[in-house]
Amino acid sequence: MNIQVNTVHFTADQKLIDFVNKKVAKLDTYFEGIIGAEVIMKVEKPETVNNKIAEIKLSIPGADYLFAEKQTDTFEESIDLAIDAIRRQLFKHKEKLKDK
């Protein structure tokens, strides 16, 4: 799976990028054939709380893509919540495929 990480309004350190890559790569265990993932992390108004946004766009065969966006205090938490949302979408997509 091809994982692309983009940041907006800040520069991510290698530790955060490794964290994102590790979490997104685990999605392969829930659904085989994931084409790629685009992760966008951005900071909205640096002086406010809950200003870290993570968006995940997952390309899968048979559907255009799955998308999740979460906003929390930390990028790690935002990524975790977005991964959970994508995982639920993958399960639903898998069930649809089984029913056909």
N, C-alpha and C. Protein backbone atom coordinates (compact mmCIF):
# COMPACT_ATOMS: atom_id res chain seq x y z
N MET A 1 0.85 -1.17 0.00
CA MET A 1 0.00 0.00 0.00
C MET A 1 0.90 1.24 0.00
N ASN A 2 0.53 2.19 -0.80
CA ASN A 2 1.26 3.45 -0.89
C ASN A 2 0.66 4.44 0.11
N ILE A 3 1.46 4.92 1.05
CA ILE A 3 1.00 5.86 2.07
C ILE A 3 1.66 7.20 1.84
N GLN A 4 0.83 8.23 1.68
CA GLN A 4 1.34 9.58 1.45
C GLN A 4 0.91 10.44 2.64
N VAL A 5 1.88 11.10 3.27
CA VAL A 5 1.60 11.95 4.43
C VAL A 5 1.88 13.40 4.06
N ASN A 6 0.87 14.25 4.24
CA ASN A 6 1.00 15.69 3.97
C ASN A 6 0.71 16.47 5.24
N THR A 7 1.41 17.58 5.42
CA THR A 7 1.16 18.44 6.58
C THR A 7 0.85 19.85 6.09
N VAL A 8 -0.03 20.52 6.82
CA VAL A 8 -0.44 21.88 6.48
C VAL A 8 -0.19 22.78 7.69
N HIS A 9 0.49 23.87 7.50
CA HIS A 9 0.76 24.88 8.54
C HIS A 9 1.74 24.41 9.62
N PHE A 10 2.47 23.32 9.38
CA PHE A 10 3.52 22.89 10.30
C PHE A 10 4.37 21.83 9.61
N THR A 11 5.51 21.52 10.20
CA THR A 11 6.38 20.46 9.70
C THR A 11 6.39 19.33 10.72
N ALA A 12 6.03 18.14 10.26
CA ALA A 12 5.95 16.99 11.17
C ALA A 12 7.35 16.41 11.40
N ASP A 13 7.60 15.97 12.63
CA ASP A 13 8.87 15.31 12.90
C ASP A 13 8.77 13.84 12.46
N GLN A 14 9.90 13.19 12.36
CA GLN A 14 9.95 11.82 11.85
C GLN A 14 9.18 10.86 12.74
N LYS A 15 9.16 11.11 14.03
CA LYS A 15 8.44 10.25 14.97
C LYS A 15 6.95 10.22 14.65
N LEU A 16 6.37 11.40 14.35
CA LEU A 16 4.95 11.48 14.02
C LEU A 16 4.67 10.79 12.68
N ILE A 17 5.53 10.98 11.71
CA ILE A 17 5.35 10.35 10.40
C ILE A 17 5.44 8.82 10.53
N ASP A 18 6.39 8.33 11.33
CA ASP A 18 6.50 6.89 11.56
C ASP A 18 5.24 6.34 12.24
N PHE A 19 4.71 7.10 13.20
CA PHE A 19 3.48 6.71 13.90
C PHE A 19 2.33 6.57 12.91
N VAL A 20 2.18 7.55 12.03
CA VAL A 20 1.11 7.53 11.03
C VAL A 20 1.27 6.34 10.09
N ASN A 21 2.48 6.14 9.59
CA ASN A 21 2.73 5.03 8.66
C ASN A 21 2.41 3.68 9.31
N LYS A 22 2.80 3.51 10.57
CA LYS A 22 2.56 2.26 11.28
C LYS A 22 1.07 2.00 11.44
N LYS A 23 0.33 3.04 11.87
CA LYS A 23 -1.11 2.89 12.09
C LYS A 23 -1.86 2.60 10.79
N VAL A 24 -1.53 3.34 9.74
CA VAL A 24 -2.24 3.17 8.47
C VAL A 24 -1.90 1.82 7.84
N ALA A 25 -0.66 1.38 7.96
CA ALA A 25 -0.25 0.09 7.40
C ALA A 25 -1.03 -1.07 8.02
N LYS A 26 -1.44 -0.93 9.27
CA LYS A 26 -2.20 -1.98 9.95
C LYS A 26 -3.57 -2.20 9.33
N LEU A 27 -4.08 -1.22 8.57
CA LEU A 27 -5.39 -1.37 7.95
C LEU A 27 -5.40 -2.52 6.94
N ASP A 28 -4.23 -2.88 6.43
CA ASP A 28 -4.12 -4.01 5.50
C ASP A 28 -4.61 -5.31 6.11
N THR A 29 -4.54 -5.43 7.43
CA THR A 29 -5.00 -6.67 8.07
C THR A 29 -6.52 -6.79 8.05
N TYR A 30 -7.23 -5.68 7.88
CA TYR A 30 -8.69 -5.70 7.87
C TYR A 30 -9.27 -5.84 6.48
N PHE A 31 -8.51 -5.42 5.47
CA PHE A 31 -9.01 -5.48 4.10
C PHE A 31 -7.82 -5.61 3.16
N GLU A 32 -7.81 -6.69 2.39
CA GLU A 32 -6.70 -6.88 1.45
C GLU A 32 -6.97 -6.09 0.18
N GLY A 33 -5.92 -5.62 -0.43
CA GLY A 33 -6.07 -4.92 -1.70
C GLY A 33 -6.23 -3.42 -1.58
N ILE A 34 -5.92 -2.85 -0.43
CA ILE A 34 -5.97 -1.39 -0.31
C ILE A 34 -4.92 -0.82 -1.26
N ILE A 35 -5.35 0.10 -2.10
CA ILE A 35 -4.46 0.66 -3.12
C ILE A 35 -3.51 1.68 -2.50
N GLY A 36 -4.05 2.58 -1.72
CA GLY A 36 -3.20 3.61 -1.13
C GLY A 36 -3.95 4.42 -0.09
N ALA A 37 -3.19 5.23 0.62
CA ALA A 37 -3.77 6.07 1.65
C ALA A 37 -3.11 7.44 1.60
N GLU A 38 -3.94 8.47 1.75
CA GLU A 38 -3.42 9.83 1.84
C GLU A 38 -3.81 10.37 3.21
N VAL A 39 -2.82 10.79 3.98
CA VAL A 39 -3.06 11.33 5.31
C VAL A 39 -2.68 12.81 5.29
N ILE A 40 -3.62 13.65 5.69
CA ILE A 40 -3.37 15.08 5.76
C ILE A 40 -3.53 15.51 7.21
N MET A 41 -2.48 16.12 7.75
CA MET A 41 -2.53 16.64 9.11
C MET A 41 -2.38 18.15 9.04
N LYS A 42 -3.26 18.84 9.77
CA LYS A 42 -3.16 20.29 9.75
C LYS A 42 -3.47 20.88 11.11
N VAL A 43 -2.91 22.06 11.35
CA VAL A 43 -3.14 22.80 12.58
C VAL A 43 -4.08 23.94 12.25
N GLU A 44 -5.15 24.03 13.03
CA GLU A 44 -6.11 25.09 12.82
C GLU A 44 -6.02 26.06 13.99
N LYS A 45 -5.73 27.30 13.75
CA LYS A 45 -5.61 28.32 14.79
C LYS A 45 -4.75 27.82 15.95
N PRO A 46 -3.45 27.98 15.87
CA PRO A 46 -2.52 27.39 16.85
C PRO A 46 -2.81 27.70 18.31
N GLU A 47 -3.50 28.77 18.60
CA GLU A 47 -3.70 29.13 20.01
C GLU A 47 -4.95 28.51 20.63
N THR A 48 -5.73 27.74 19.89
CA THR A 48 -6.96 27.17 20.43
C THR A 48 -6.75 25.70 20.81
N VAL A 49 -7.69 25.18 21.61
CA VAL A 49 -7.66 23.76 21.96
C VAL A 49 -8.33 22.98 20.83
N ASN A 50 -8.12 21.67 20.82
CA ASN A 50 -8.69 20.81 19.77
C ASN A 50 -8.38 21.36 18.38
N ASN A 51 -7.12 21.71 18.14
CA ASN A 51 -6.76 22.34 16.88
C ASN A 51 -5.99 21.43 15.94
N LYS A 52 -5.83 20.15 16.27
CA LYS A 52 -5.08 19.22 15.42
C LYS A 52 -6.07 18.38 14.62
N ILE A 53 -6.00 18.48 13.30
CA ILE A 53 -6.93 17.78 12.42
C ILE A 53 -6.17 16.72 11.62
N ALA A 54 -6.74 15.53 11.58
CA ALA A 54 -6.18 14.44 10.76
C ALA A 54 -7.26 13.96 9.81
N GLU A 55 -6.91 13.90 8.53
CA GLU A 55 -7.81 13.38 7.51
C GLU A 55 -7.14 12.17 6.87
N ILE A 56 -7.92 11.12 6.68
CA ILE A 56 -7.41 9.93 6.01
C ILE A 56 -8.33 9.61 4.84
N LYS A 57 -7.73 9.48 3.68
CA LYS A 57 -8.46 9.13 2.46
C LYS A 57 -7.86 7.82 1.97
N LEU A 58 -8.66 6.77 1.98
CA LEU A 58 -8.19 5.42 1.67
C LEU A 58 -8.75 4.98 0.32
N SER A 59 -7.88 4.65 -0.61
CA SER A 59 -8.31 4.17 -1.93
C SER A 59 -8.42 2.65 -1.90
N ILE A 60 -9.62 2.16 -2.25
CA ILE A 60 -9.83 0.71 -2.28
C ILE A 60 -10.48 0.33 -3.61
N PRO A 61 -10.28 -0.91 -4.06
CA PRO A 61 -10.92 -1.33 -5.31
C PRO A 61 -12.44 -1.43 -5.13
N GLY A 62 -13.17 -1.10 -6.15
CA GLY A 62 -14.62 -1.23 -6.10
C GLY A 62 -15.33 -0.02 -5.55
N ALA A 63 -14.63 0.86 -4.91
CA ALA A 63 -15.22 2.10 -4.40
C ALA A 63 -14.22 3.22 -4.68
N ASP A 64 -14.69 4.43 -4.76
CA ASP A 64 -13.77 5.53 -5.01
C ASP A 64 -12.75 5.61 -3.88
N TYR A 65 -13.25 5.88 -2.68
CA TYR A 65 -12.38 5.94 -1.51
C TYR A 65 -13.21 6.00 -0.24
N LEU A 66 -12.56 5.72 0.87
CA LEU A 66 -13.15 5.90 2.19
C LEU A 66 -12.47 7.10 2.81
N PHE A 67 -13.22 7.86 3.61
CA PHE A 67 -12.68 9.10 4.16
C PHE A 67 -13.08 9.26 5.61
N ALA A 68 -12.14 9.75 6.43
CA ALA A 68 -12.44 10.07 7.82
C ALA A 68 -11.64 11.30 8.21
N GLU A 69 -12.26 12.17 9.00
CA GLU A 69 -11.59 13.37 9.50
C GLU A 69 -11.91 13.52 10.98
N LYS A 70 -10.88 13.71 11.78
CA LYS A 70 -11.06 13.88 13.22
C LYS A 70 -10.23 15.06 13.70
N GLN A 71 -10.76 15.75 14.73
CA GLN A 71 -10.08 16.92 15.28
C GLN A 71 -10.01 16.79 16.80
N THR A 72 -8.77 16.81 17.35
CA THR A 72 -8.55 16.67 18.79
C THR A 72 -7.38 17.55 19.23
N ASP A 73 -6.92 17.31 20.47
CA ASP A 73 -5.78 18.07 21.02
C ASP A 73 -4.43 17.64 20.47
N THR A 74 -4.32 16.35 20.06
CA THR A 74 -3.03 15.84 19.57
C THR A 74 -3.23 15.13 18.23
N PHE A 75 -2.18 15.11 17.44
CA PHE A 75 -2.25 14.41 16.15
C PHE A 75 -2.40 12.91 16.37
N GLU A 76 -1.74 12.38 17.39
CA GLU A 76 -1.83 10.94 17.65
C GLU A 76 -3.27 10.52 17.93
N GLU A 77 -3.95 11.30 18.75
CA GLU A 77 -5.35 10.99 19.07
C GLU A 77 -6.23 11.14 17.83
N SER A 78 -5.99 12.19 17.05
CA SER A 78 -6.76 12.39 15.82
C SER A 78 -6.57 11.23 14.85
N ILE A 79 -5.33 10.79 14.71
CA ILE A 79 -5.03 9.66 13.81
C ILE A 79 -5.72 8.39 14.32
N ASP A 80 -5.62 8.12 15.62
CA ASP A 80 -6.27 6.92 16.20
C ASP A 80 -7.77 6.92 15.92
N LEU A 81 -8.43 8.06 16.15
CA LEU A 81 -9.88 8.13 15.94
C LEU A 81 -10.24 8.00 14.47
N ALA A 82 -9.44 8.60 13.60
CA ALA A 82 -9.69 8.50 12.16
C ALA A 82 -9.48 7.06 11.68
N ILE A 83 -8.46 6.39 12.20
CA ILE A 83 -8.21 4.98 11.85
C ILE A 83 -9.40 4.12 12.27
N ASP A 84 -9.93 4.35 13.48
CA ASP A 84 -11.10 3.60 13.95
C ASP A 84 -12.28 3.81 13.01
N ALA A 85 -12.50 5.04 12.58
CA ALA A 85 -13.61 5.34 11.68
C ALA A 85 -13.42 4.64 10.33
N ILE A 86 -12.20 4.67 9.81
CA ILE A 86 -11.90 3.99 8.54
C ILE A 86 -12.09 2.48 8.68
N ARG A 87 -11.66 1.94 9.82
CA ARG A 87 -11.79 0.50 10.06
C ARG A 87 -13.27 0.09 10.02
N ARG A 88 -14.13 0.88 10.66
CA ARG A 88 -15.57 0.58 10.63
C ARG A 88 -16.10 0.63 9.20
N GLN A 89 -15.64 1.61 8.43
CA GLN A 89 -16.07 1.71 7.03
C GLN A 89 -15.60 0.50 6.22
N LEU A 90 -14.38 0.03 6.51
CA LEU A 90 -13.86 -1.15 5.81
C LEU A 90 -14.71 -2.38 6.11
N PHE A 91 -15.11 -2.55 7.38
CA PHE A 91 -15.97 -3.68 7.74
C PHE A 91 -17.30 -3.61 7.00
N LYS A 92 -17.89 -2.42 6.94
CA LYS A 92 -19.16 -2.26 6.23
C LYS A 92 -18.99 -2.57 4.74
N HIS A 93 -17.90 -2.10 4.17
CA HIS A 93 -17.63 -2.35 2.75
C HIS A 93 -17.45 -3.85 2.50
N LYS A 94 -16.76 -4.53 3.41
CA LYS A 94 -16.54 -5.97 3.29
C LYS A 94 -17.86 -6.72 3.33
N GLU A 95 -18.76 -6.29 4.24
CA GLU A 95 -20.07 -6.94 4.36
C GLU A 95 -20.86 -6.76 3.07
N LYS A 96 -20.79 -5.58 2.48
CA LYS A 96 -21.50 -5.34 1.22
C LYS A 96 -20.99 -6.27 0.12
N LEU A 97 -19.67 -6.48 0.10
CA LEU A 97 -19.08 -7.36 -0.90
C LEU A 97 -19.52 -8.81 -0.70
N LYS A 98 -19.66 -9.23 0.57
CA LYS A 98 -20.10 -10.60 0.87
C LYS A 98 -21.54 -10.81 0.42
N ASP A 99 -22.39 -9.79 0.57
CA ASP A 99 -23.80 -9.91 0.25
C ASP A 99 -24.07 -10.02 -1.26
N LYS A 100 -23.11 -9.59 -2.05
CA LYS A 100 -23.31 -9.62 -3.52
C LYS A 100 -23.19 -11.02 -4.07
